Protein backbone atom coordinates (compact mmCIF):
# COMPACT_ATOMS: atom_id res chain seq x y z
CA MET A 1 0.01 0.03 0.01
CA PHE A 2 2.79 2.38 0.80
CA GLU A 3 6.05 2.85 -1.06
CA LEU A 4 8.91 2.66 1.55
CA ASP A 5 11.23 4.86 -0.51
CA ILE A 6 8.60 7.61 -0.75
CA LEU A 7 8.04 7.35 3.09
CA LEU A 8 11.67 7.76 3.67
CA SER A 9 12.02 10.55 1.18
CA ASP A 10 9.04 12.36 2.64
CA PHE A 11 10.39 11.89 6.10
CA TRP A 12 13.69 13.67 5.42
CA SER A 13 12.00 16.38 3.46
CA ILE A 14 9.48 17.22 6.26
CA LEU A 15 12.11 16.78 8.99
CA GLY A 16 13.80 19.86 7.61
CA ALA A 17 10.94 22.00 8.66
CA VAL A 18 10.87 20.69 12.25
CA PRO A 19 13.51 23.07 13.67
CA ALA A 20 12.00 26.18 12.20
CA THR A 21 8.48 25.17 13.35
CA LEU A 22 9.80 24.43 16.86
CA SER A 23 11.64 27.71 17.06
CA MET A 24 8.60 29.79 16.04
CA ALA A 25 6.40 27.80 18.37
CA LEU A 26 8.85 28.45 21.30
CA MET A 27 9.00 32.17 20.61
CA ILE A 28 5.26 32.50 20.46
CA PHE A 29 4.90 30.45 23.51
CA VAL A 30 7.38 32.64 25.57
CA PHE A 31 6.01 35.96 24.32
CA SER A 32 2.33 35.03 24.76
CA THR A 33 2.93 33.57 28.25
CA LEU A 34 4.73 36.67 29.38
CA ILE A 35 2.06 39.00 28.00
CA GLY A 36 -0.80 36.72 29.27
CA SER A 37 0.66 36.56 32.73
CA LEU A 38 0.99 40.28 32.86
CA PHE A 39 -2.69 40.57 31.79
CA ALA A 40 -3.69 37.98 34.43
CA LEU A 41 -1.82 39.90 37.06
CA ILE A 42 -3.58 43.13 36.18
CA GLU A 43 -6.87 41.37 36.59
CA TYR A 44 -5.90 39.57 39.83
CA ARG A 45 -4.77 43.00 41.29
CA ARG A 46 -7.98 44.62 39.90
CA ILE A 47 -6.08 47.60 38.55
CA PRO A 48 -8.65 50.15 37.46
CA VAL A 49 -8.92 50.99 33.78
CA LEU A 50 -6.18 48.55 32.80
CA ARG A 51 -8.45 45.68 33.91
CA GLU A 52 -11.19 46.81 31.58
CA LEU A 53 -8.69 47.14 28.73
CA VAL A 54 -7.41 43.65 29.38
CA VAL A 55 -10.90 42.17 29.43
CA THR A 56 -11.71 43.92 26.10
CA TYR A 57 -8.47 42.47 24.57
CA LYS A 58 -9.32 39.02 25.61
CA VAL A 59 -12.83 39.13 24.33
CA ALA A 60 -11.61 40.54 21.00
CA PHE A 61 -8.73 38.14 20.37
CA LYS A 62 -10.65 34.99 21.67
CA GLY A 63 -13.44 35.82 19.33
CA ILE A 64 -11.59 36.64 16.04
CA PRO A 65 -10.35 33.56 14.06
CA MET A 66 -6.56 33.38 14.07
CA VAL A 67 -6.38 33.30 10.27
CA ILE A 68 -8.05 36.76 10.16
CA VAL A 69 -5.64 38.08 12.68
CA ILE A 70 -2.80 36.71 10.53
CA PHE A 71 -4.03 38.51 7.44
CA LEU A 72 -4.72 41.74 9.37
CA ALA A 73 -1.04 41.64 10.48
CA TYR A 74 0.10 40.71 7.09
CA TYR A 75 -1.49 43.59 5.28
CA GLY A 76 -1.69 46.12 8.11
CA MET A 77 1.46 45.77 10.07
CA THR A 78 3.77 47.07 7.43
CA PRO A 79 1.95 50.45 6.68
CA PHE A 80 1.35 50.91 10.51
CA LEU A 81 5.07 50.47 11.32
CA GLY A 82 5.90 52.80 8.42
CA PHE A 83 3.51 55.39 9.69
CA LEU A 84 4.98 55.21 13.23
CA ALA A 85 8.46 55.56 11.83
CA SER A 86 7.53 58.63 9.89
CA LEU A 87 6.12 60.22 12.99
CA ILE A 88 9.41 60.23 14.78
CA GLY A 89 11.34 61.00 11.65
CA VAL A 90 13.03 57.61 11.20
CA ASP A 91 13.67 56.18 7.80
CA PHE A 92 12.43 52.65 8.11
CA ASN A 93 11.35 50.31 5.31
CA ALA A 94 8.80 48.10 6.99
CA HIS A 95 8.47 45.95 3.87
CA VAL A 96 11.67 44.08 4.74
CA ILE A 97 10.00 42.36 7.72
CA PRO A 98 9.92 38.64 7.02
CA ASN A 99 6.65 36.86 6.99
CA TRP A 100 7.58 34.62 9.74
CA VAL A 101 7.84 37.64 12.05
CA THR A 102 4.42 38.80 11.02
CA LEU A 103 3.21 35.22 11.80
CA ILE A 104 4.81 35.34 15.28
CA VAL A 105 3.35 38.75 16.07
CA ALA A 106 -0.22 37.74 14.92
CA LEU A 107 -0.35 34.38 16.79
CA THR A 108 1.26 35.86 19.83
CA ALA A 109 -1.52 38.48 20.02
CA CYS A 110 -4.03 35.56 19.74
CA VAL A 111 -2.56 33.18 22.12
CA ALA A 112 -1.80 35.76 24.83
CA ALA A 113 -5.55 36.07 25.35
CA PHE A 114 -5.80 32.44 26.11
CA GLN A 115 -2.55 32.41 28.19
CA ALA A 116 -4.03 35.14 30.36
CA GLU A 117 -6.89 32.77 31.21
CA VAL A 118 -4.39 30.10 32.11
CA ALA A 119 -2.46 32.42 34.35
CA LYS A 120 -5.71 33.78 35.82
CA GLY A 121 -6.92 30.33 36.72
CA ALA A 122 -3.60 29.45 38.26
CA LEU A 123 -3.49 32.60 40.36
CA ASN A 124 -7.20 32.12 41.53
CA SER A 125 -6.35 28.57 42.65
CA PHE A 126 -4.18 29.99 45.33
CA ASP A 127 -5.60 29.54 48.87
CA THR A 128 -6.08 32.97 50.48
CA GLY A 129 -5.65 31.33 53.83
CA GLN A 130 -1.94 30.91 53.00
CA ALA A 131 -1.70 34.64 52.30
CA ASP A 132 -3.22 35.53 55.64
CA ALA A 133 -0.85 33.16 57.45
CA ALA A 134 2.15 34.52 55.53
CA ARG A 135 1.20 38.17 56.43
CA SER A 136 0.83 37.15 60.11
CA LEU A 137 4.38 35.91 60.02
CA GLY A 138 5.60 39.27 58.68
CA TYR A 139 5.78 38.51 54.92
CA LYS A 140 5.52 41.54 52.71
CA ASP A 141 3.44 41.35 49.57
CA SER A 142 6.55 41.04 47.37
CA GLN A 143 7.83 38.19 49.50
CA LEU A 144 4.28 36.50 49.49
CA PHE A 145 4.14 36.59 45.71
CA ARG A 146 7.72 35.48 45.17
CA ARG A 147 7.99 32.71 47.77
CA ILE A 148 4.44 31.31 48.05
CA LEU A 149 2.00 32.40 45.36
CA PHE A 150 4.11 32.34 42.23
CA PRO A 151 5.64 28.81 42.77
CA GLN A 152 2.20 27.29 43.47
CA ALA A 153 0.75 29.16 40.41
CA VAL A 154 3.44 27.83 38.08
CA VAL A 155 2.68 24.30 39.19
CA ALA A 156 -1.05 24.75 38.67
CA ALA A 157 -0.54 26.21 35.22
CA ILE A 158 1.99 23.70 33.75
CA PRO A 159 -0.71 21.19 32.29
CA ASP A 160 -2.61 23.96 30.53
CA LEU A 161 0.67 25.57 29.38
CA ALA A 162 1.65 22.32 27.78
CA ASN A 163 -1.67 22.17 25.88
CA SER A 164 -1.09 25.72 24.83
CA PHE A 165 2.16 24.85 23.24
CA MET A 166 0.47 22.14 21.16
CA VAL A 167 -2.19 24.59 20.18
CA ILE A 168 0.59 26.98 18.94
CA MET A 169 2.18 24.10 16.98
CA LYS A 170 -1.09 23.37 15.19
CA ALA A 171 -1.88 27.15 14.70
CA LEU A 172 1.43 27.53 12.89
CA SER A 173 0.01 25.59 10.01
CA LEU A 174 -2.05 28.72 9.19
CA GLY A 175 1.19 30.38 8.24
CA PHE A 176 0.90 28.73 4.83
CA ALA A 177 -1.53 31.41 3.94
CA ILE A 178 1.23 34.01 4.03
CA GLU A 179 3.94 31.68 2.65
CA VAL A 180 5.50 30.72 6.01
CA ILE A 181 6.72 27.05 5.90
CA ASP A 182 6.15 24.77 8.96
CA ILE A 183 5.78 21.07 9.26
CA PHE A 184 2.31 20.93 7.72
CA SER A 185 3.14 23.34 4.96
CA GLN A 186 6.19 21.40 4.01
CA SER A 187 4.17 18.18 3.89
CA GLN A 188 1.85 19.87 1.29
CA LEU A 189 4.88 21.08 -0.74
CA THR A 190 6.37 17.56 -0.60
CA ALA A 191 3.27 15.79 -1.60
CA ALA A 192 2.64 18.21 -4.51
CA LEU A 193 5.93 17.29 -6.01
CA ASN A 194 5.47 13.48 -6.04
CA PHE A 195 1.70 13.14 -5.63
CA TYR A 196 2.06 10.73 -2.70
CA TYR A 197 -0.23 12.82 -0.28
CA LEU A 198 -1.24 9.98 2.06
CA GLU A 199 2.47 9.19 2.87
CA ALA A 200 3.28 12.78 3.43
CA PHE A 201 0.41 13.44 5.72
CA LEU A 202 1.13 10.20 7.65
CA ILE A 203 4.70 11.30 8.20
CA THR A 204 3.33 14.79 9.31
CA VAL A 205 1.07 13.09 11.76
CA MET A 206 3.96 10.95 13.23
CA PHE A 207 5.96 14.18 13.72
CA TYR A 208 3.19 15.97 15.53
CA MET A 209 2.51 12.86 17.71
CA VAL A 210 6.28 12.59 18.76
CA ILE A 211 6.36 16.33 19.60
CA ALA A 212 3.08 16.00 21.62
CA TYR A 213 4.49 13.02 23.48
CA ILE A 214 7.69 14.85 24.37
CA VAL A 215 5.95 18.00 25.45
CA THR A 216 3.52 15.99 27.63
CA LYS A 217 6.18 13.92 29.24
CA THR A 218 8.40 16.93 29.87
CA ALA A 219 5.52 18.89 31.42
CA ASP A 220 4.72 15.95 33.70
CA LYS A 221 8.27 15.68 34.90
CA VAL A 222 8.62 19.35 35.52
CA GLU A 223 5.27 19.55 37.38
CA ALA A 224 6.27 16.48 39.53
CA GLY A 225 9.64 18.08 40.31
CA LEU A 226 8.04 21.37 41.26
CA ARG A 227 5.36 19.81 43.42
CA VAL A 228 8.12 18.09 45.53
CA ARG A 229 9.74 21.63 46.11
CA THR A 230 6.51 23.40 46.89
């Protein structure tokens, strides 16, 4: 049913897109987690005005399909950056920005809204009784956050963060719309050259499954290690 030489050829062809895909996914994951955590902290602290802006941001970016955000960034980011540069008198050609940068910006904006919910849930899982006990022992708010709240919130968020990474991996396939090559896009290109689509997509499934397995096992080990310490 399957041609072994085709499977091997497709494997090596698609393997070449794995490093770039993982690099983009990691950058999006880090940036979106940092932004989402900041948003969650603003909501947790109930900071006036900023809290309302964060809620509006989350509603907007959770509701708009990612592919639309990608196209908005693709067609709108270049003229917007050019306009900003002209305001401060800087000669900047925004057209030189690579498409993969545009994809990272667009997906980071989308995923940050979901990461904010992950971080918010982790913060809300913290037992306020521990905070009262810590304050009775003379802990300052900064010490309470650094030594008690933050470590427990990280542990609570790890399973959802692992899921978020895989969501990012799959969302990167939308980059094909703006000519950014990831694992899925490379499989489409490979299959288009030899017309063995089933083989190419089976190899793609294998790559995604292996990555998901590694991410899940790594997250489980990190969570188990942190639970021992906290």
